[in-house]
Amino acid sequence: MTLEIADLLRNAATWGQEFPEPVFDGVFDVIQSRIVGQRHLKLVLRKPGGDLVIDAIAFFVDQPEYWLGLRQIKAAYKLDINEFRGNRSVQFILQYLEKIT
């Protein structure tokens, strides 16, 4: 989950219909969650017991308020690079979310 790995994946191939981009999964502690726009969910995640925190975003979420305040989720995600104001950081693009009780 490093910027170097995200760069390698981004430039490894031309991802498309018959050659899909890799999707990863895992369980994460939710450090922070908020709604962005009207239907996007922005999260800050950390692997349980880990130190590394990762920004994550889920686009076009039905009822995004449902996900606010959760302590832990299971997620499927694509590894991406967030480029904002000249800064680059690792970001997960969430494809699937599951509430962990």
N, C-alpha and C. Protein backbone atom coordinates (compact mmCIF):
# COMPACT_ATOMS: atom_id res chain seq x y z
N MET A 1 0.82 -1.18 0.00
CA MET A 1 0.00 0.00 0.00
C MET A 1 0.87 1.25 0.00
N THR A 2 1.79 1.29 -0.93
CA THR A 2 2.69 2.43 -1.01
C THR A 2 2.46 3.20 -2.30
N LEU A 3 2.94 4.40 -2.33
CA LEU A 3 2.84 5.23 -3.53
C LEU A 3 3.56 4.56 -4.71
N GLU A 4 4.68 3.91 -4.43
CA GLU A 4 5.45 3.24 -5.48
C GLU A 4 4.65 2.08 -6.09
N ILE A 5 3.99 1.29 -5.26
CA ILE A 5 3.17 0.18 -5.76
C ILE A 5 1.99 0.71 -6.56
N ALA A 6 1.36 1.75 -6.06
CA ALA A 6 0.23 2.36 -6.78
C ALA A 6 0.68 2.88 -8.15
N ASP A 7 1.85 3.49 -8.21
CA ASP A 7 2.41 3.95 -9.49
C ASP A 7 2.67 2.78 -10.43
N LEU A 8 3.24 1.71 -9.91
CA LEU A 8 3.51 0.53 -10.73
C LEU A 8 2.22 -0.05 -11.31
N LEU A 9 1.19 -0.17 -10.49
CA LEU A 9 -0.09 -0.69 -10.97
C LEU A 9 -0.71 0.22 -12.02
N ARG A 10 -0.63 1.52 -11.78
CA ARG A 10 -1.21 2.49 -12.71
C ARG A 10 -0.55 2.39 -14.08
N ASN A 11 0.76 2.15 -14.10
CA ASN A 11 1.51 2.13 -15.36
C ASN A 11 1.82 0.74 -15.89
N ALA A 12 1.35 -0.30 -15.20
CA ALA A 12 1.69 -1.67 -15.59
C ALA A 12 1.04 -2.09 -16.90
N ALA A 13 -0.13 -1.60 -17.17
CA ALA A 13 -0.86 -2.03 -18.36
C ALA A 13 -1.98 -1.05 -18.66
N THR A 14 -2.57 -1.24 -19.80
CA THR A 14 -3.77 -0.50 -20.14
C THR A 14 -4.94 -1.32 -19.65
N TRP A 15 -5.52 -0.91 -18.54
CA TRP A 15 -6.63 -1.64 -17.96
C TRP A 15 -7.87 -1.38 -18.79
N GLY A 16 -8.70 -2.41 -18.95
CA GLY A 16 -9.91 -2.25 -19.74
C GLY A 16 -10.86 -3.40 -19.54
N GLN A 17 -11.82 -3.51 -20.45
CA GLN A 17 -12.90 -4.47 -20.32
C GLN A 17 -12.42 -5.92 -20.20
N GLU A 18 -11.46 -6.31 -21.00
CA GLU A 18 -10.99 -7.69 -20.95
C GLU A 18 -9.72 -7.86 -20.12
N PHE A 19 -9.28 -6.77 -19.52
CA PHE A 19 -8.10 -6.82 -18.66
C PHE A 19 -8.35 -5.88 -17.48
N PRO A 20 -9.17 -6.35 -16.52
CA PRO A 20 -9.59 -5.46 -15.43
C PRO A 20 -8.46 -5.11 -14.47
N GLU A 21 -8.58 -3.94 -13.92
CA GLU A 21 -7.63 -3.47 -12.90
C GLU A 21 -7.75 -4.35 -11.66
N PRO A 22 -6.65 -4.65 -10.98
CA PRO A 22 -6.71 -5.51 -9.79
C PRO A 22 -7.55 -4.89 -8.68
N VAL A 23 -8.28 -5.75 -7.99
CA VAL A 23 -9.09 -5.35 -6.84
C VAL A 23 -8.61 -6.14 -5.63
N PHE A 24 -8.42 -5.45 -4.52
CA PHE A 24 -7.93 -6.05 -3.29
C PHE A 24 -9.04 -5.99 -2.25
N ASP A 25 -8.87 -6.71 -1.15
CA ASP A 25 -9.86 -6.63 -0.08
C ASP A 25 -9.19 -6.74 1.27
N GLY A 26 -9.92 -6.32 2.29
CA GLY A 26 -9.40 -6.41 3.64
C GLY A 26 -10.38 -5.86 4.64
N VAL A 27 -10.04 -6.05 5.90
CA VAL A 27 -10.81 -5.51 7.02
C VAL A 27 -10.03 -4.30 7.54
N PHE A 28 -10.77 -3.23 7.82
CA PHE A 28 -10.13 -1.98 8.24
C PHE A 28 -10.87 -1.33 9.40
N ASP A 29 -10.11 -0.71 10.28
CA ASP A 29 -10.68 0.17 11.29
C ASP A 29 -11.01 1.49 10.60
N VAL A 30 -12.15 2.06 10.93
CA VAL A 30 -12.55 3.35 10.37
C VAL A 30 -12.12 4.43 11.36
N ILE A 31 -11.18 5.25 10.95
CA ILE A 31 -10.66 6.33 11.79
C ILE A 31 -11.55 7.56 11.66
N GLN A 32 -12.03 7.79 10.44
CA GLN A 32 -12.85 8.97 10.18
C GLN A 32 -13.76 8.67 8.99
N SER A 33 -14.97 9.23 9.00
CA SER A 33 -15.88 9.09 7.86
C SER A 33 -16.70 10.36 7.72
N ARG A 34 -16.96 10.72 6.45
CA ARG A 34 -17.79 11.90 6.19
C ARG A 34 -18.38 11.78 4.79
N ILE A 35 -19.45 12.50 4.58
CA ILE A 35 -20.09 12.53 3.27
C ILE A 35 -19.50 13.70 2.50
N VAL A 36 -19.16 13.44 1.24
CA VAL A 36 -18.62 14.47 0.34
C VAL A 36 -19.63 14.63 -0.79
N GLY A 37 -19.98 15.88 -1.10
CA GLY A 37 -21.04 16.08 -2.08
C GLY A 37 -22.32 15.55 -1.46
N GLN A 38 -23.11 14.87 -2.24
CA GLN A 38 -24.35 14.32 -1.71
C GLN A 38 -24.30 12.81 -1.56
N ARG A 39 -23.48 12.13 -2.37
CA ARG A 39 -23.54 10.67 -2.37
C ARG A 39 -22.18 9.99 -2.33
N HIS A 40 -21.13 10.72 -2.02
CA HIS A 40 -19.81 10.12 -1.93
C HIS A 40 -19.41 10.00 -0.47
N LEU A 41 -18.69 8.94 -0.15
CA LEU A 41 -18.27 8.67 1.21
C LEU A 41 -16.75 8.71 1.28
N LYS A 42 -16.23 9.59 2.10
CA LYS A 42 -14.78 9.74 2.29
C LYS A 42 -14.42 9.13 3.64
N LEU A 43 -13.44 8.22 3.65
CA LEU A 43 -13.03 7.52 4.86
C LEU A 43 -11.53 7.63 5.06
N VAL A 44 -11.13 7.52 6.30
CA VAL A 44 -9.73 7.32 6.65
C VAL A 44 -9.69 5.96 7.34
N LEU A 45 -8.88 5.04 6.78
CA LEU A 45 -8.86 3.65 7.23
C LEU A 45 -7.48 3.26 7.75
N ARG A 46 -7.48 2.20 8.58
CA ARG A 46 -6.22 1.64 9.07
C ARG A 46 -6.44 0.14 9.26
N LYS A 47 -5.44 -0.65 8.87
CA LYS A 47 -5.50 -2.08 9.15
C LYS A 47 -5.50 -2.29 10.66
N PRO A 48 -6.32 -3.21 11.18
CA PRO A 48 -6.33 -3.44 12.63
C PRO A 48 -4.92 -3.76 13.15
N GLY A 49 -4.51 -3.03 14.17
CA GLY A 49 -3.20 -3.22 14.75
C GLY A 49 -2.07 -2.55 14.00
N GLY A 50 -2.38 -1.90 12.88
CA GLY A 50 -1.35 -1.26 12.07
C GLY A 50 -1.20 0.22 12.39
N ASP A 51 -0.19 0.82 11.78
CA ASP A 51 0.08 2.24 11.97
C ASP A 51 -0.28 3.08 10.76
N LEU A 52 -0.25 2.48 9.58
CA LEU A 52 -0.46 3.20 8.33
C LEU A 52 -1.94 3.55 8.15
N VAL A 53 -2.24 4.83 7.94
CA VAL A 53 -3.60 5.25 7.64
C VAL A 53 -3.70 5.58 6.16
N ILE A 54 -4.83 5.23 5.58
CA ILE A 54 -5.06 5.38 4.13
C ILE A 54 -6.37 6.12 3.91
N ASP A 55 -6.36 7.09 3.02
CA ASP A 55 -7.59 7.74 2.60
C ASP A 55 -8.32 6.81 1.64
N ALA A 56 -9.64 6.85 1.70
CA ALA A 56 -10.46 6.02 0.82
C ALA A 56 -11.70 6.81 0.43
N ILE A 57 -12.21 6.50 -0.76
CA ILE A 57 -13.44 7.15 -1.20
C ILE A 57 -14.32 6.13 -1.92
N ALA A 58 -15.61 6.24 -1.66
CA ALA A 58 -16.61 5.43 -2.35
C ALA A 58 -17.54 6.41 -3.06
N PHE A 59 -17.69 6.25 -4.36
CA PHE A 59 -18.50 7.15 -5.15
C PHE A 59 -19.93 6.63 -5.27
N PHE A 60 -20.89 7.56 -5.30
CA PHE A 60 -22.30 7.27 -5.55
C PHE A 60 -22.85 6.18 -4.62
N VAL A 61 -22.70 6.42 -3.33
CA VAL A 61 -23.16 5.49 -2.31
C VAL A 61 -24.63 5.77 -2.00
N ASP A 62 -25.47 4.73 -2.04
CA ASP A 62 -26.85 4.88 -1.60
C ASP A 62 -26.86 5.00 -0.08
N GLN A 63 -27.53 5.96 0.43
CA GLN A 63 -27.63 6.22 1.86
C GLN A 63 -26.25 6.29 2.53
N PRO A 64 -25.42 7.23 2.13
CA PRO A 64 -24.07 7.31 2.72
C PRO A 64 -24.07 7.53 4.22
N GLU A 65 -25.14 8.11 4.75
CA GLU A 65 -25.21 8.33 6.20
C GLU A 65 -25.21 7.02 6.98
N TYR A 66 -25.60 5.93 6.34
CA TYR A 66 -25.59 4.61 6.97
C TYR A 66 -24.18 4.20 7.42
N TRP A 67 -23.17 4.67 6.70
CA TRP A 67 -21.78 4.26 6.95
C TRP A 67 -21.06 5.16 7.94
N LEU A 68 -21.69 6.25 8.34
CA LEU A 68 -21.05 7.16 9.29
C LEU A 68 -21.05 6.55 10.69
N GLY A 69 -19.95 6.71 11.40
CA GLY A 69 -19.87 6.25 12.78
C GLY A 69 -19.50 4.79 12.96
N LEU A 70 -19.28 4.05 11.86
CA LEU A 70 -18.87 2.65 12.00
C LEU A 70 -17.44 2.58 12.50
N ARG A 71 -17.13 1.52 13.23
CA ARG A 71 -15.77 1.35 13.76
C ARG A 71 -14.92 0.47 12.86
N GLN A 72 -15.56 -0.45 12.11
CA GLN A 72 -14.79 -1.38 11.29
C GLN A 72 -15.62 -1.80 10.08
N ILE A 73 -14.94 -1.96 8.94
CA ILE A 73 -15.60 -2.40 7.72
C ILE A 73 -14.75 -3.44 7.00
N LYS A 74 -15.39 -4.20 6.13
CA LYS A 74 -14.69 -5.03 5.17
C LYS A 74 -14.89 -4.33 3.83
N ALA A 75 -13.83 -4.23 3.04
CA ALA A 75 -13.92 -3.47 1.80
C ALA A 75 -13.14 -4.15 0.68
N ALA A 76 -13.66 -4.00 -0.53
CA ALA A 76 -12.93 -4.34 -1.75
C ALA A 76 -12.57 -3.00 -2.39
N TYR A 77 -11.34 -2.88 -2.86
CA TYR A 77 -10.86 -1.58 -3.33
C TYR A 77 -9.83 -1.71 -4.43
N LYS A 78 -9.71 -0.63 -5.20
CA LYS A 78 -8.63 -0.47 -6.16
C LYS A 78 -7.63 0.50 -5.55
N LEU A 79 -6.37 0.21 -5.73
CA LEU A 79 -5.31 1.07 -5.24
C LEU A 79 -5.12 2.21 -6.23
N ASP A 80 -5.13 3.44 -5.74
CA ASP A 80 -5.07 4.60 -6.62
C ASP A 80 -4.15 5.65 -6.01
N ILE A 81 -3.92 6.70 -6.77
CA ILE A 81 -3.12 7.83 -6.31
C ILE A 81 -4.00 9.07 -6.32
N ASN A 82 -4.08 9.73 -5.19
CA ASN A 82 -4.80 10.99 -5.08
C ASN A 82 -3.80 12.11 -5.32
N GLU A 83 -4.07 12.92 -6.33
CA GLU A 83 -3.21 14.07 -6.61
C GLU A 83 -4.02 15.32 -6.34
N PHE A 84 -3.60 16.08 -5.31
CA PHE A 84 -4.36 17.25 -4.88
C PHE A 84 -3.39 18.35 -4.45
N ARG A 85 -3.50 19.49 -5.10
CA ARG A 85 -2.66 20.65 -4.79
C ARG A 85 -1.17 20.32 -4.80
N GLY A 86 -0.76 19.54 -5.78
CA GLY A 86 0.64 19.20 -5.94
C GLY A 86 1.14 18.08 -5.05
N ASN A 87 0.29 17.54 -4.20
CA ASN A 87 0.67 16.43 -3.33
C ASN A 87 0.10 15.13 -3.87
N ARG A 88 0.86 14.06 -3.73
CA ARG A 88 0.42 12.73 -4.16
C ARG A 88 0.40 11.81 -2.95
N SER A 89 -0.70 11.05 -2.84
CA SER A 89 -0.81 10.10 -1.73
C SER A 89 -1.60 8.88 -2.19
N VAL A 90 -1.41 7.78 -1.49
CA VAL A 90 -2.14 6.54 -1.79
C VAL A 90 -3.59 6.73 -1.37
N GLN A 91 -4.47 6.22 -2.20
CA GLN A 91 -5.90 6.29 -1.91
C GLN A 91 -6.57 5.00 -2.38
N PHE A 92 -7.54 4.54 -1.63
CA PHE A 92 -8.36 3.40 -2.05
C PHE A 92 -9.61 3.94 -2.74
N ILE A 93 -9.95 3.36 -3.88
CA ILE A 93 -11.25 3.60 -4.50
C ILE A 93 -12.10 2.40 -4.12
N LEU A 94 -13.05 2.61 -3.23
CA LEU A 94 -13.84 1.51 -2.69
C LEU A 94 -14.87 1.03 -3.70
N GLN A 95 -14.89 -0.27 -3.93
CA GLN A 95 -15.82 -0.90 -4.86
C GLN A 95 -16.95 -1.60 -4.12
N TYR A 96 -16.69 -2.00 -2.87
CA TYR A 96 -17.65 -2.75 -2.07
C TYR A 96 -17.38 -2.46 -0.61
N LEU A 97 -18.44 -2.28 0.16
CA LEU A 97 -18.33 -2.08 1.60
C LEU A 97 -19.24 -3.04 2.32
N GLU A 98 -18.77 -3.54 3.45
CA GLU A 98 -19.58 -4.42 4.28
C GLU A 98 -19.38 -4.00 5.73
N LYS A 99 -20.49 -3.84 6.43
CA LYS A 99 -20.46 -3.47 7.84
C LYS A 99 -20.04 -4.67 8.65
N ILE A 100 -19.12 -4.47 9.58
CA ILE A 100 -18.71 -5.53 10.50
C ILE A 100 -19.32 -5.21 11.86
N THR A 101 -20.06 -6.15 12.40
CA THR A 101 -20.74 -5.90 13.68
C THR A 101 -19.89 -6.29 14.85
